[in-house]
């Protein structure tokens, strides 16, 4: 059975509302940020999702998740 999508884990890590009306990412990704996520949180998500992702190492999974975070309007820090 597959894990939830990466966006679910990212929203949960940042603290965006998940429920009846889920919060979306930034309306202008790359310019406006809706939250910050640390490298440690990205690594934790990568370890959970590596079985579902098309990559062979944790570092490559982390880069895929960082790209998803940036596309959602999250700033990757640390």
PDB file of N, CA and C in Angstrom:
ATOM      1  N   UNK A   1       0.837  -1.173   0.000  1.00  0.00           N
ATOM      2  CA  UNK A   1       0.000   0.000   0.000  1.00  0.00           C
ATOM      3  C   UNK A   1       0.890   1.247   0.000  1.00  0.00           C
ATOM      4  N   UNK A   2       0.515   2.224  -0.790  1.00  0.00           N
ATOM      5  CA  UNK A   2       1.322   3.420  -0.929  1.00  0.00           C
ATOM      6  C   UNK A   2       1.093   4.388   0.238  1.00  0.00           C
ATOM      7  N   UNK A   3       2.093   5.238   0.440  1.00  0.00           N
ATOM      8  CA  UNK A   3       2.022   6.311   1.429  1.00  0.00           C
ATOM      9  C   UNK A   3       1.185   7.463   0.862  1.00  0.00           C
ATOM     10  N   UNK A   4       0.754   8.410   1.719  1.00  0.00           N
ATOM     11  CA  UNK A   4       0.082   9.612   1.195  1.00  0.00           C
ATOM     12  C   UNK A   4       1.033  10.414   0.304  1.00  0.00           C
ATOM     13  N   UNK A   5       0.507  11.350  -0.481  1.00  0.00           N
ATOM     14  CA  UNK A   5       1.371  12.133  -1.361  1.00  0.00           C
ATOM     15  C   UNK A   5       2.356  13.006  -0.571  1.00  0.00           C
ATOM     16  N   UNK A   6       3.415  13.424  -1.240  1.00  0.00           N
ATOM     17  CA  UNK A   6       4.440  14.258  -0.609  1.00  0.00           C
ATOM     18  C   UNK A   6       3.827  15.559  -0.108  1.00  0.00           C
ATOM     19  N   UNK A   7       2.888  16.122  -0.847  1.00  0.00           N
ATOM     20  CA  UNK A   7       2.278  17.387  -0.434  1.00  0.00           C
ATOM     21  C   UNK A   7       1.592  17.262   0.923  1.00  0.00           C
ATOM     22  N   UNK A   8       1.015  16.106   1.224  1.00  0.00           N
ATOM     23  CA  UNK A   8       0.388  15.882   2.525  1.00  0.00           C
ATOM     24  C   UNK A   8       1.430  15.981   3.636  1.00  0.00           C
ATOM     25  N   UNK A   9       2.573  15.305   3.447  1.00  0.00           N
ATOM     26  CA  UNK A   9       3.625  15.334   4.455  1.00  0.00           C
ATOM     27  C   UNK A   9       4.209  16.741   4.610  1.00  0.00           C
ATOM     28  N   UNK A  10       4.357  17.465   3.485  1.00  0.00           N
ATOM     29  CA  UNK A  10       4.896  18.820   3.547  1.00  0.00           C
ATOM     30  C   UNK A  10       3.952  19.750   4.304  1.00  0.00           C
ATOM     31  N   UNK A  11       2.655  19.669   4.005  1.00  0.00           N
ATOM     32  CA  UNK A  11       1.682  20.501   4.713  1.00  0.00           C
ATOM     33  C   UNK A  11       1.661  20.184   6.195  1.00  0.00           C
ATOM     34  N   UNK A  12       1.767  18.914   6.529  1.00  0.00           N
ATOM     35  CA  UNK A  12       1.764  18.494   7.923  1.00  0.00           C
ATOM     36  C   UNK A  12       3.007  19.009   8.653  1.00  0.00           C
ATOM     37  N   UNK A  13       4.167  18.960   7.997  1.00  0.00           N
ATOM     38  CA  UNK A  13       5.417  19.415   8.613  1.00  0.00           C
ATOM     39  C   UNK A  13       5.415  20.918   8.853  1.00  0.00           C
ATOM     40  N   UNK A  14       4.817  21.666   7.930  1.00  0.00           N
ATOM     41  CA  UNK A  14       4.800  23.126   8.044  1.00  0.00           C
ATOM     42  C   UNK A  14       3.677  23.589   8.967  1.00  0.00           C
ATOM     43  N   UNK A  15       2.639  22.792   9.061  1.00  0.00           N
ATOM     44  CA  UNK A  15       1.516  23.160   9.923  1.00  0.00           C
ATOM     45  C   UNK A  15       0.375  23.831   9.182  1.00  0.00           C
ATOM     46  N   UNK A  16       0.313  23.636   7.869  1.00  0.00           N
ATOM     47  CA  UNK A  16      -0.825  24.160   7.115  1.00  0.00           C
ATOM     48  C   UNK A  16      -2.056  23.329   7.444  1.00  0.00           C
ATOM     49  N   UNK A  17      -3.206  23.935   7.360  1.00  0.00           N
ATOM     50  CA  UNK A  17      -4.445  23.260   7.732  1.00  0.00           C
ATOM     51  C   UNK A  17      -4.723  22.076   6.812  1.00  0.00           C
ATOM     52  N   UNK A  18      -4.971  20.922   7.429  1.00  0.00           N
ATOM     53  CA  UNK A  18      -5.363  19.724   6.697  1.00  0.00           C
ATOM     54  C   UNK A  18      -6.709  19.299   7.271  1.00  0.00           C
ATOM     55  N   UNK A  19      -7.726  19.313   6.471  1.00  0.00           N
ATOM     56  CA  UNK A  19      -9.046  18.967   6.981  1.00  0.00           C
ATOM     57  C   UNK A  19     -10.106  19.173   5.929  1.00  0.00           C
ATOM     58  N   UNK A  20     -11.265  19.713   6.349  1.00  0.00           N
ATOM     59  CA  UNK A  20     -12.378  19.904   5.418  1.00  0.00           C
ATOM     60  C   UNK A  20     -12.000  20.832   4.269  1.00  0.00           C
ATOM     61  N   UNK A  21     -11.361  21.952   4.577  1.00  0.00           N
ATOM     62  CA  UNK A  21     -10.893  22.875   3.546  1.00  0.00           C
ATOM     63  C   UNK A  21      -9.379  22.959   3.654  1.00  0.00           C
ATOM     64  N   UNK A  22      -8.664  22.082   2.958  1.00  0.00           N
ATOM     65  CA  UNK A  22      -7.206  22.091   3.100  1.00  0.00           C
ATOM     66  C   UNK A  22      -6.582  23.352   2.529  1.00  0.00           C
ATOM     67  N   UNK A  23      -5.536  23.811   3.182  1.00  0.00           N
ATOM     68  CA  UNK A  23      -4.812  24.979   2.697  1.00  0.00           C
ATOM     69  C   UNK A  23      -3.982  24.583   1.490  1.00  0.00           C
ATOM     70  N   UNK A  24      -3.897  25.479   0.548  1.00  0.00           N
ATOM     71  CA  UNK A  24      -3.060  25.210  -0.620  1.00  0.00           C
ATOM     72  C   UNK A  24      -1.715  25.876  -0.402  1.00  0.00           C
ATOM     73  N   UNK A  25      -0.834  25.689  -1.328  1.00  0.00           N
ATOM     74  CA  UNK A  25       0.470  26.332  -1.255  1.00  0.00           C
ATOM     75  C   UNK A  25       0.340  27.800  -1.622  1.00  0.00           C
ATOM     76  N   UNK A  26       1.461  28.401  -1.939  1.00  0.00           N
ATOM     77  CA  UNK A  26       1.488  29.806  -2.305  1.00  0.00           C
ATOM     78  C   UNK A  26       0.800  30.023  -3.649  1.00  0.00           C
ATOM     79  N   UNK A  27       0.153  31.133  -3.797  1.00  0.00           N
ATOM     80  CA  UNK A  27      -0.483  31.463  -5.075  1.00  0.00           C
ATOM     81  C   UNK A  27       0.553  31.898  -6.097  1.00  0.00           C
ATOM     82  N   UNK A  28       1.722  32.365  -5.612  1.00  0.00           N
ATOM     83  CA  UNK A  28       2.817  32.768  -6.490  1.00  0.00           C
ATOM     84  C   UNK A  28       4.099  32.067  -6.042  1.00  0.00           C
ATOM     85  N   UNK A  29       4.279  30.780  -6.372  1.00  0.00           N
ATOM     86  CA  UNK A  29       5.486  30.066  -5.956  1.00  0.00           C
ATOM     87  C   UNK A  29       6.751  30.710  -6.518  1.00  0.00           C
ATOM     88  N   UNK A  30       7.788  30.733  -5.700  1.00  0.00           N
ATOM     89  CA  UNK A  30       9.029  31.364  -6.112  1.00  0.00           C
ATOM     90  C   UNK A  30       9.116  32.808  -5.659  1.00  0.00           C
ATOM     91  N   UNK A  31       7.996  33.444  -5.435  1.00  0.00           N
ATOM     92  CA  UNK A  31       7.977  34.834  -4.975  1.00  0.00           C
ATOM     93  C   UNK A  31       7.422  34.929  -3.561  1.00  0.00           C
ATOM     94  N   UNK A  32       6.297  34.262  -3.331  1.00  0.00           N
ATOM     95  CA  UNK A  32       5.685  34.310  -2.013  1.00  0.00           C
ATOM     96  C   UNK A  32       5.826  32.966  -1.312  1.00  0.00           C
ATOM     97  N   UNK A  33       6.183  33.008  -0.035  1.00  0.00           N
ATOM     98  CA  UNK A  33       6.335  31.780   0.725  1.00  0.00           C
ATOM     99  C   UNK A  33       5.213  31.677   1.754  1.00  0.00           C
ATOM    100  N   UNK A  34       4.704  30.459   1.956  1.00  0.00           N
ATOM    101  CA  UNK A  34       3.655  30.238   2.949  1.00  0.00           C
ATOM    102  C   UNK A  34       4.205  29.580   4.208  1.00  0.00           C
ATOM    103  N   UNK A  35       5.457  29.163   4.177  1.00  0.00           N
ATOM    104  CA  UNK A  35       6.059  28.538   5.345  1.00  0.00           C
ATOM    105  C   UNK A  35       7.486  28.134   5.076  1.00  0.00           C
ATOM    106  N   UNK A  36       8.126  27.605   6.140  1.00  0.00           N
ATOM    107  CA  UNK A  36       9.511  27.153   6.031  1.00  0.00           C
ATOM    108  C   UNK A  36       9.594  25.706   6.474  1.00  0.00           C
ATOM    109  N   UNK A  37      10.473  24.958   5.822  1.00  0.00           N
ATOM    110  CA  UNK A  37      10.702  23.564   6.169  1.00  0.00           C
ATOM    111  C   UNK A  37      12.213  23.352   6.256  1.00  0.00           C
ATOM    112  N   UNK A  38      12.644  22.584   7.239  1.00  0.00           N
ATOM    113  CA  UNK A  38      14.074  22.364   7.441  1.00  0.00           C
ATOM    114  C   UNK A  38      14.545  21.131   6.667  1.00  0.00           C
ATOM    115  N   UNK A  39      15.855  21.038   6.503  1.00  0.00           N
ATOM    116  CA  UNK A  39      16.443  19.877   5.821  1.00  0.00           C
ATOM    117  C   UNK A  39      16.163  18.593   6.608  1.00  0.00           C
ATOM    118  N   UNK A  40      16.114  18.689   7.942  1.00  0.00           N
ATOM    119  CA  UNK A  40      15.835  17.514   8.775  1.00  0.00           C
ATOM    120  C   UNK A  40      14.421  16.996   8.522  1.00  0.00           C
ATOM    121  N   UNK A  41      13.463  17.904   8.367  1.00  0.00           N
ATOM    122  CA  UNK A  41      12.092  17.497   8.065  1.00  0.00           C
ATOM    123  C   UNK A  41      12.011  16.889   6.674  1.00  0.00           C
ATOM    124  N   UNK A  42      12.747  17.461   5.718  1.00  0.00           N
ATOM    125  CA  UNK A  42      12.775  16.923   4.360  1.00  0.00           C
ATOM    126  C   UNK A  42      13.353  15.512   4.375  1.00  0.00           C
ATOM    127  N   UNK A  43      14.419  15.299   5.157  1.00  0.00           N
ATOM    128  CA  UNK A  43      15.033  13.967   5.245  1.00  0.00           C
ATOM    129  C   UNK A  43      14.062  12.956   5.850  1.00  0.00           C
ATOM    130  N   UNK A  44      13.313  13.371   6.864  1.00  0.00           N
ATOM    131  CA  UNK A  44      12.330  12.490   7.495  1.00  0.00           C
ATOM    132  C   UNK A  44      11.244  12.073   6.499  1.00  0.00           C
ATOM    133  N   UNK A  45      10.775  13.019   5.707  1.00  0.00           N
ATOM    134  CA  UNK A  45       9.766  12.721   4.688  1.00  0.00           C
ATOM    135  C   UNK A  45      10.362  11.797   3.622  1.00  0.00           C
ATOM    136  N   UNK A  46      11.607  12.053   3.234  1.00  0.00           N
ATOM    137  CA  UNK A  46      12.266  11.230   2.209  1.00  0.00           C
ATOM    138  C   UNK A  46      12.405   9.788   2.676  1.00  0.00           C
ATOM    139  N   UNK A  47      12.703   9.588   3.955  1.00  0.00           N
ATOM    140  CA  UNK A  47      12.838   8.228   4.479  1.00  0.00           C
ATOM    141  C   UNK A  47      11.500   7.485   4.453  1.00  0.00           C
ATOM    142  N   UNK A  48      10.407   8.217   4.653  1.00  0.00           N
ATOM    143  CA  UNK A  48       9.076   7.589   4.600  1.00  0.00           C
ATOM    144  C   UNK A  48       8.668   7.272   3.162  1.00  0.00           C
ATOM    145  N   UNK A  49       9.017   8.160   2.213  1.00  0.00           N
ATOM    146  CA  UNK A  49       8.523   8.056   0.845  1.00  0.00           C
ATOM    147  C   UNK A  49       9.472   7.365  -0.127  1.00  0.00           C
ATOM    148  N   UNK A  50      10.660   6.969   0.287  1.00  0.00           N
ATOM    149  CA  UNK A  50      11.648   6.435  -0.657  1.00  0.00           C
ATOM    150  C   UNK A  50      11.148   5.180  -1.370  1.00  0.00           C
ATOM    151  N   UNK A  51      10.283   4.394  -0.734  1.00  0.00           N
ATOM    152  CA  UNK A  51       9.787   3.183  -1.389  1.00  0.00           C
ATOM    153  C   UNK A  51       8.843   3.516  -2.546  1.00  0.00           C
ATOM    154  N   UNK A  52       8.187   4.681  -2.495  1.00  0.00           N
ATOM    155  CA  UNK A  52       7.253   5.079  -3.545  1.00  0.00           C
ATOM    156  C   UNK A  52       7.898   5.938  -4.627  1.00  0.00           C
ATOM    157  N   UNK A  53       9.053   6.530  -4.338  1.00  0.00           N
ATOM    158  CA  UNK A  53       9.696   7.429  -5.289  1.00  0.00           C
ATOM    159  C   UNK A  53      10.604   6.658  -6.242  1.00  0.00           C
ATOM    160  N   UNK A  54      10.861   7.260  -7.379  1.00  0.00           N
ATOM    161  CA  UNK A  54      11.699   6.642  -8.408  1.00  0.00           C
ATOM    162  C   UNK A  54      13.140   7.123  -8.220  1.00  0.00           C
ATOM    163  N   UNK A  55      13.753   6.712  -7.103  1.00  0.00           N
ATOM    164  CA  UNK A  55      15.136   7.092  -6.841  1.00  0.00           C
ATOM    165  C   UNK A  55      15.809   6.021  -5.993  1.00  0.00           C
ATOM    166  N   UNK A  56      17.142   6.059  -5.972  1.00  0.00           N
ATOM    167  CA  UNK A  56      17.877   4.987  -5.307  1.00  0.00           C
ATOM    168  C   UNK A  56      18.529   5.410  -3.999  1.00  0.00           C
ATOM    169  N   UNK A  57      18.680   6.711  -3.752  1.00  0.00           N
ATOM    170  CA  UNK A  57      19.334   7.155  -2.522  1.00  0.00           C
ATOM    171  C   UNK A  57      18.479   8.187  -1.793  1.00  0.00           C
ATOM    172  N   UNK A  58      18.789   8.351  -0.521  1.00  0.00           N
ATOM    173  CA  UNK A  58      18.065   9.336   0.299  1.00  0.00           C
ATOM    174  C   UNK A  58      18.311  10.747  -0.233  1.00  0.00           C
ATOM    175  N   UNK A  59      19.532  11.028  -0.684  1.00  0.00           N
ATOM    176  CA  UNK A  59      19.861  12.368  -1.184  1.00  0.00           C
ATOM    177  C   UNK A  59      19.033  12.726  -2.408  1.00  0.00           C
ATOM    178  N   UNK A  60      18.862  11.779  -3.316  1.00  0.00           N
ATOM    179  CA  UNK A  60      18.052  12.056  -4.500  1.00  0.00           C
ATOM    180  C   UNK A  60      16.577  12.196  -4.131  1.00  0.00           C
ATOM    181  N   UNK A  61      16.107  11.426  -3.166  1.00  0.00           N
ATOM    182  CA  UNK A  61      14.727  11.566  -2.693  1.00  0.00           C
ATOM    183  C   UNK A  61      14.536  12.922  -2.030  1.00  0.00           C
ATOM    184  N   UNK A  62      15.546  13.368  -1.272  1.00  0.00           N
ATOM    185  CA  UNK A  62      15.467  14.683  -0.633  1.00  0.00           C
ATOM    186  C   UNK A  62      15.385  15.798  -1.660  1.00  0.00           C
ATOM    187  N   UNK A  63      16.151  15.681  -2.748  1.00  0.00           N
ATOM    188  CA  UNK A  63      16.112  16.728  -3.771  1.00  0.00           C
ATOM    189  C   UNK A  63      14.757  16.762  -4.468  1.00  0.00           C
ATOM    190  N   UNK A  64      14.132  15.596  -4.670  1.00  0.00           N
ATOM    191  CA  UNK A  64      12.798  15.559  -5.271  1.00  0.00           C
ATOM    192  C   UNK A  64      11.778  16.232  -4.345  1.00  0.00           C
ATOM    193  N   UNK A  65      11.877  15.971  -3.050  1.00  0.00           N
ATOM    194  CA  UNK A  65      10.939  16.540  -2.090  1.00  0.00           C
ATOM    195  C   UNK A  65      11.173  18.038  -1.923  1.00  0.00           C
ATOM    196  N   UNK A  66      12.441  18.469  -1.963  1.00  0.00           N
ATOM    197  CA  UNK A  66      12.737  19.904  -1.910  1.00  0.00           C
ATOM    198  C   UNK A  66      12.135  20.627  -3.114  1.00  0.00           C
ATOM    199  N   UNK A  67      12.178  20.006  -4.279  1.00  0.00           N
ATOM    200  CA  UNK A  67      11.568  20.594  -5.472  1.00  0.00           C
ATOM    201  C   UNK A  67      10.067  20.714  -5.326  1.00  0.00           C
ATOM    202  N   UNK A  68       9.440  19.698  -4.753  1.00  0.00           N
ATOM    203  CA  UNK A  68       7.999  19.764  -4.509  1.00  0.00           C
ATOM    204  C   UNK A  68       7.671  20.874  -3.515  1.00  0.00           C
ATOM    205  N   UNK A  69       8.512  21.016  -2.499  1.00  0.00           N
ATOM    206  CA  UNK A  69       8.291  22.060  -1.497  1.00  0.00           C
ATOM    207  C   UNK A  69       8.403  23.442  -2.128  1.00  0.00           C
ATOM    208  N   UNK A  70       9.423  23.642  -2.965  1.00  0.00           N
ATOM    209  CA  UNK A  70       9.573  24.938  -3.627  1.00  0.00           C
ATOM    210  C   UNK A  70       8.399  25.227  -4.555  1.00  0.00           C
ATOM    211  N   UNK A  71       7.907  24.202  -5.225  1.00  0.00           N
ATOM    212  CA  UNK A  71       6.768  24.372  -6.142  1.00  0.00           C
ATOM    213  C   UNK A  71       5.495  24.737  -5.376  1.00  0.00           C
ATOM    214  N   UNK A  72       5.405  24.310  -4.110  1.00  0.00           N
ATOM    215  CA  UNK A  72       4.247  24.650  -3.288  1.00  0.00           C
ATOM    216  C   UNK A  72       4.374  26.016  -2.654  1.00  0.00           C
ATOM    217  N   UNK A  73       5.566  26.609  -2.704  1.00  0.00           N
ATOM    218  CA  UNK A  73       5.775  27.921  -2.090  1.00  0.00           C
ATOM    219  C   UNK A  73       6.343  27.817  -0.694  1.00  0.00           C
ATOM    220  N   UNK A  74       7.030  26.723  -0.393  1.00  0.00           N
ATOM    221  CA  UNK A  74       7.683  26.558   0.897  1.00  0.00           C
ATOM    222  C   UNK A  74       9.163  26.870   0.751  1.00  0.00           C
ATOM    223  N   UNK A  75       9.711  27.508   1.761  1.00  0.00           N
ATOM    224  CA  UNK A  75      11.137  27.841   1.755  1.00  0.00           C
ATOM    225  C   UNK A  75      11.901  26.736   2.481  1.00  0.00           C
ATOM    226  N   UNK A  76      12.914  26.173   1.846  1.00  0.00           N
ATOM    227  CA  UNK A  76      13.739  25.126   2.441  1.00  0.00           C
ATOM    228  C   UNK A  76      14.930  25.799   3.111  1.00  0.00           C
ATOM    229  N   UNK A  77      15.042  25.627   4.434  1.00  0.00           N
ATOM    230  CA  UNK A  77      16.113  26.264   5.209  1.00  0.00           C
ATOM    231  C   UNK A  77      16.928  25.219   5.934  1.00  0.00           C
ATOM    232  N   UNK A  78      18.133  25.616   6.327  1.00  0.00           N
ATOM    233  CA  UNK A  78      18.970  24.766   7.196  1.00  0.00           C
ATOM    234  C   UNK A  78      19.663  23.718   6.463  1.00  0.00           C
TER     235      UNK A  78
END
